[in-house]
Amino acid sequence: MHIKKFLIAVLLLSGLMSPVYAENEKKFTLTTYYPAPYGDYKQLQSNDLVSGKVIIGDFNADGRFTQADVTTANVPSGGLAIQSSIKIGADNATCTETKQGTMRYNSATNGIEACLKTRTSPSVTWGWQPIGGASSGVKEATLASPGYIEFSNGLMIQWGTCITPRTVIFPKAFTTQVFAVTGSQNMPKVHWYGNEIFFNNVTRTGFIVEHNHVGKDKNVQVYWIAIGK
């Protein structure tokens, strides 16, 4: 009996208080800024119709992000400025027209590539091309004699000098093939007539250079160059 009276009292009390809660109910608006400092976003869009600039980072190093950073970055309309570094990931997809302008990291060549048009006639083709920038696509180089330079697309040029006859070992072995080996002699003009140099047994690792002077072998200095990949 006491339980029933208690339940009825609770129901009556809640009914009487409901209008009070309703009368005191308030609405509020929560304003945030986008993008937030943390979170995952499927799409980021700039709606600045005046300049269309996208600025990421504290360019004036004052610990805040304000209009002053936009001025310091000095980005043209429609431009993007990032204060820190940019990491470009791998992309194993085929380069097609829809991917033109896309950049990727190629772990095999340890270089950055872009999806670009590689041929326009008789038909248009697309392919991943190394981006050289200031290094002109150079992957590795030894600027000495003998020396070599290897490009991101695999092309390699090697050079050096020797005294004939000589078995020359390339500074770095070509990976697949040698396109050509050529050279010139360094000797007094009086001996120019009848001089010949020969390159034999060319392999991916080296070659043999020999010299002939009017039917008689003569030791001469030879500057050589080899091209391959």
Protein backbone atom coordinates (compact mmCIF):
# COMPACT_ATOMS: atom_id res chain seq x y z
CA MET A 1 0.00 0.00 0.00
CA HIS A 2 2.80 2.38 0.87
CA ILE A 3 4.61 1.47 -2.38
CA LYS A 4 1.55 2.35 -4.47
CA LYS A 5 1.20 5.71 -2.73
CA PHE A 6 4.90 6.41 -3.33
CA LEU A 7 4.67 5.63 -7.06
CA ILE A 8 1.56 7.80 -7.46
CA ALA A 9 3.33 10.68 -5.70
CA VAL A 10 6.35 10.37 -7.97
CA LEU A 11 4.17 10.40 -11.11
CA LEU A 12 2.22 13.44 -9.92
CA LEU A 13 5.41 15.28 -9.02
CA SER A 14 7.03 14.58 -12.38
CA GLY A 15 3.89 15.76 -14.13
CA LEU A 16 3.91 19.01 -12.20
CA MET A 17 7.59 19.64 -12.89
CA SER A 18 7.43 18.97 -16.62
CA PRO A 19 6.06 22.44 -17.48
CA VAL A 20 8.80 23.97 -15.39
CA TYR A 21 11.51 22.21 -17.40
CA ALA A 22 9.75 23.16 -20.61
CA GLU A 23 9.59 26.80 -19.62
CA ASN A 24 13.29 26.87 -18.69
CA GLU A 25 14.45 25.06 -21.84
CA LYS A 26 16.96 27.13 -23.82
CA LYS A 27 18.51 26.78 -27.26
CA PHE A 28 22.17 27.46 -27.98
CA THR A 29 24.41 27.46 -31.04
CA LEU A 30 27.84 25.80 -31.03
CA THR A 31 30.33 27.38 -33.45
CA THR A 32 33.55 25.58 -34.46
CA TYR A 33 36.15 26.23 -37.08
CA TYR A 34 37.08 23.97 -39.98
CA PRO A 35 39.32 22.16 -40.27
CA ALA A 36 39.77 21.28 -36.63
CA PRO A 37 43.32 20.65 -35.37
CA TYR A 38 42.58 16.93 -35.16
CA GLY A 39 40.39 14.61 -37.21
CA ASP A 40 40.04 12.75 -40.48
CA TYR A 41 38.56 14.42 -43.54
CA LYS A 42 37.40 12.93 -46.81
CA GLN A 43 37.59 16.29 -48.55
CA LEU A 44 39.11 19.71 -47.88
CA GLN A 45 37.78 22.62 -49.89
CA SER A 46 38.69 26.29 -50.09
CA ASN A 47 35.75 28.63 -50.57
CA ASP A 48 37.77 31.84 -50.64
CA LEU A 49 36.28 33.41 -53.76
CA VAL A 50 38.63 36.37 -53.53
CA SER A 51 42.01 34.67 -53.58
CA GLY A 52 41.40 30.93 -53.61
CA LYS A 53 44.57 30.37 -51.57
CA VAL A 54 45.26 27.40 -49.32
CA ILE A 55 47.81 28.04 -46.56
CA ILE A 56 49.00 25.33 -44.16
CA GLY A 57 51.40 26.30 -41.42
CA ASP A 58 52.59 29.18 -39.27
CA PHE A 59 54.56 31.14 -41.87
CA ASN A 60 55.40 34.14 -39.70
CA ALA A 61 56.29 31.94 -36.69
CA ASP A 62 54.12 33.81 -34.18
CA GLY A 63 52.44 30.69 -32.84
CA ARG A 64 49.09 31.55 -34.43
CA PHE A 65 47.37 31.12 -37.75
CA THR A 66 46.08 34.47 -38.97
CA GLN A 67 45.79 36.57 -42.10
CA ALA A 68 49.40 37.60 -41.49
CA ASP A 69 50.49 34.06 -42.44
CA VAL A 70 48.73 34.42 -45.79
CA THR A 71 50.62 37.64 -46.43
CA THR A 72 53.96 36.13 -45.40
CA ALA A 73 53.45 33.04 -47.56
CA ASN A 74 52.94 35.27 -50.63
CA VAL A 75 50.96 32.64 -52.53
CA PRO A 76 49.34 33.49 -55.88
CA SER A 77 45.61 33.05 -56.37
CA GLY A 78 44.68 29.39 -56.53
CA GLY A 79 48.01 28.43 -54.98
CA LEU A 80 48.98 26.13 -52.14
CA ALA A 81 51.65 26.87 -49.52
CA ILE A 82 52.83 24.37 -46.93
CA GLN A 83 55.27 25.42 -44.24
CA SER A 84 56.65 21.94 -43.58
CA SER A 85 57.57 19.02 -45.86
CA ILE A 86 55.23 16.98 -48.05
CA LYS A 87 55.33 13.19 -48.14
CA ILE A 88 54.28 11.55 -51.39
CA GLY A 89 53.26 7.90 -51.21
CA ALA A 90 53.50 5.05 -53.69
CA ASP A 91 50.93 4.55 -56.45
CA ASN A 92 50.96 1.29 -58.38
CA ALA A 93 48.08 2.24 -60.67
CA THR A 94 48.63 2.62 -64.41
CA CYS A 95 49.23 6.18 -65.61
CA THR A 96 46.21 7.22 -67.68
CA GLU A 97 44.68 10.49 -68.86
CA THR A 98 42.47 10.67 -65.77
CA LYS A 99 45.59 10.53 -63.55
CA GLN A 100 47.56 13.17 -65.47
CA GLY A 101 49.46 15.49 -63.17
CA THR A 102 49.49 12.94 -60.34
CA MET A 103 52.79 12.42 -58.52
CA ARG A 104 54.04 9.26 -56.82
CA TYR A 105 57.10 7.84 -55.06
CA ASN A 106 58.81 4.96 -56.86
CA SER A 107 60.72 2.81 -54.37
CA ALA A 108 62.46 0.88 -57.18
CA THR A 109 64.20 3.99 -58.52
CA ASN A 110 64.07 5.92 -55.24
CA GLY A 111 62.63 8.90 -57.08
CA ILE A 112 59.51 10.99 -57.56
CA GLU A 113 57.51 10.46 -60.76
CA ALA A 114 54.61 12.24 -62.45
CA CYS A 115 51.90 10.90 -64.71
CA LEU A 116 52.50 12.74 -67.99
CA LYS A 117 51.75 12.52 -71.69
CA THR A 118 54.61 10.62 -73.36
CA ARG A 119 53.48 10.62 -77.00
CA THR A 120 50.97 12.56 -79.09
CA SER A 121 51.31 10.93 -82.52
CA PRO A 122 50.03 8.71 -84.01
CA SER A 123 48.13 8.15 -80.77
CA VAL A 124 48.30 9.66 -77.31
CA THR A 125 50.04 7.61 -74.63
CA TRP A 126 50.63 8.25 -70.94
CA GLY A 127 53.31 7.07 -68.56
CA TRP A 128 55.07 7.66 -65.27
CA GLN A 129 58.03 9.99 -65.85
CA PRO A 130 60.78 10.89 -63.36
CA ILE A 131 60.72 14.42 -62.01
CA GLY A 132 64.22 15.81 -62.03
CA GLY A 133 63.81 19.28 -60.58
CA ALA A 134 67.15 20.82 -59.74
CA SER A 135 68.92 17.46 -60.12
CA SER A 136 67.54 16.86 -63.65
CA GLY A 137 66.38 13.37 -62.73
CA VAL A 138 69.79 12.24 -61.50
CA LYS A 139 69.59 9.20 -59.23
CA GLU A 140 73.29 8.74 -58.49
CA ALA A 141 76.57 10.15 -59.75
CA THR A 142 80.33 10.08 -59.20
CA LEU A 143 81.92 13.20 -60.65
CA ALA A 144 85.47 11.90 -61.02
CA SER A 145 87.54 10.03 -63.61
CA PRO A 146 86.58 7.31 -63.98
CA GLY A 147 83.03 8.25 -63.11
CA TYR A 148 79.39 7.83 -64.02
CA ILE A 149 75.96 9.40 -63.84
CA GLU A 150 72.77 7.38 -63.50
CA PHE A 151 69.33 8.83 -64.21
CA SER A 152 66.02 7.88 -62.61
CA ASN A 153 64.82 6.21 -65.82
CA GLY A 154 67.77 3.80 -65.75
CA LEU A 155 70.00 5.48 -68.35
CA MET A 156 73.66 5.56 -67.30
CA ILE A 157 76.69 7.32 -68.80
CA GLN A 158 80.22 6.33 -67.75
CA TRP A 159 83.62 7.75 -68.65
CA GLY A 160 87.31 7.51 -67.95
CA THR A 161 90.82 7.42 -69.37
CA CYS A 162 93.51 4.75 -69.74
CA ILE A 163 96.74 3.81 -71.51
CA THR A 164 96.45 1.20 -74.26
CA PRO A 165 96.30 -1.72 -74.31
CA ARG A 166 94.02 -2.01 -71.32
CA THR A 167 91.12 -3.97 -69.87
CA VAL A 168 88.75 -1.35 -68.51
CA ILE A 169 86.31 -2.09 -65.70
CA PHE A 170 83.32 0.22 -65.53
CA PRO A 171 82.98 2.19 -62.27
CA LYS A 172 79.50 0.66 -61.99
CA ALA A 173 78.26 -2.34 -63.96
CA PHE A 174 75.36 -1.70 -66.34
CA THR A 175 72.20 -3.49 -65.23
CA THR A 176 70.89 -4.77 -68.56
CA GLN A 177 72.91 -3.68 -71.60
CA VAL A 178 75.56 -1.40 -73.10
CA PHE A 179 74.35 0.82 -75.95
CA ALA A 180 77.72 2.11 -77.14
CA VAL A 181 81.40 2.57 -76.25
CA THR A 182 83.55 5.17 -77.99
CA GLY A 183 86.67 7.21 -77.35
CA SER A 184 89.47 9.41 -78.65
CA GLN A 185 93.27 9.51 -78.45
CA ASN A 186 95.43 12.04 -76.67
CA MET A 187 98.71 12.14 -78.57
CA PRO A 188 101.00 14.60 -80.44
CA LYS A 189 99.85 15.77 -83.87
CA VAL A 190 102.93 14.23 -85.51
CA HIS A 191 101.53 10.78 -84.74
CA TRP A 192 97.98 11.38 -85.98
CA TYR A 193 98.49 9.60 -89.30
CA GLY A 194 97.67 5.91 -89.22
CA ASN A 195 96.43 5.81 -85.63
CA GLU A 196 93.55 3.54 -84.75
CA ILE A 197 91.91 2.52 -81.48
CA PHE A 198 89.72 -0.53 -81.03
CA PHE A 199 87.13 -1.47 -78.39
CA ASN A 200 86.69 -5.24 -78.00
CA ASN A 201 84.86 -7.70 -75.74
CA VAL A 202 82.33 -5.12 -74.52
CA THR A 203 80.23 -6.46 -71.64
CA ARG A 204 78.07 -4.94 -68.89
CA THR A 205 81.14 -4.79 -66.63
CA GLY A 206 83.84 -3.47 -68.98
CA PHE A 207 85.75 -3.74 -72.27
CA ILE A 208 89.22 -4.04 -73.84
CA VAL A 209 90.76 -1.07 -75.65
CA GLU A 210 93.70 -1.46 -78.02
CA HIS A 211 95.67 0.84 -80.31
CA ASN A 212 97.49 0.45 -83.61
CA HIS A 213 99.99 2.93 -85.11
CA VAL A 214 100.94 2.27 -88.75
CA GLY A 215 101.21 -1.44 -88.21
CA LYS A 216 103.05 -1.07 -84.91
CA ASP A 217 101.51 -1.11 -81.46
CA LYS A 218 102.03 2.08 -79.51
CA ASN A 219 100.96 3.01 -75.98
CA VAL A 220 98.67 6.03 -76.09
CA GLN A 221 96.24 7.70 -73.73
CA VAL A 222 92.58 7.13 -74.57
CA TYR A 223 89.54 9.01 -73.27
CA TRP A 224 86.51 6.72 -73.38
CA ILE A 225 82.77 7.03 -72.79
CA ALA A 226 80.08 4.35 -72.51
CA ILE A 227 76.28 4.60 -72.55
CA GLY A 228 73.83 1.96 -71.38
CA LYS A 229 71.32 1.04 -68.71
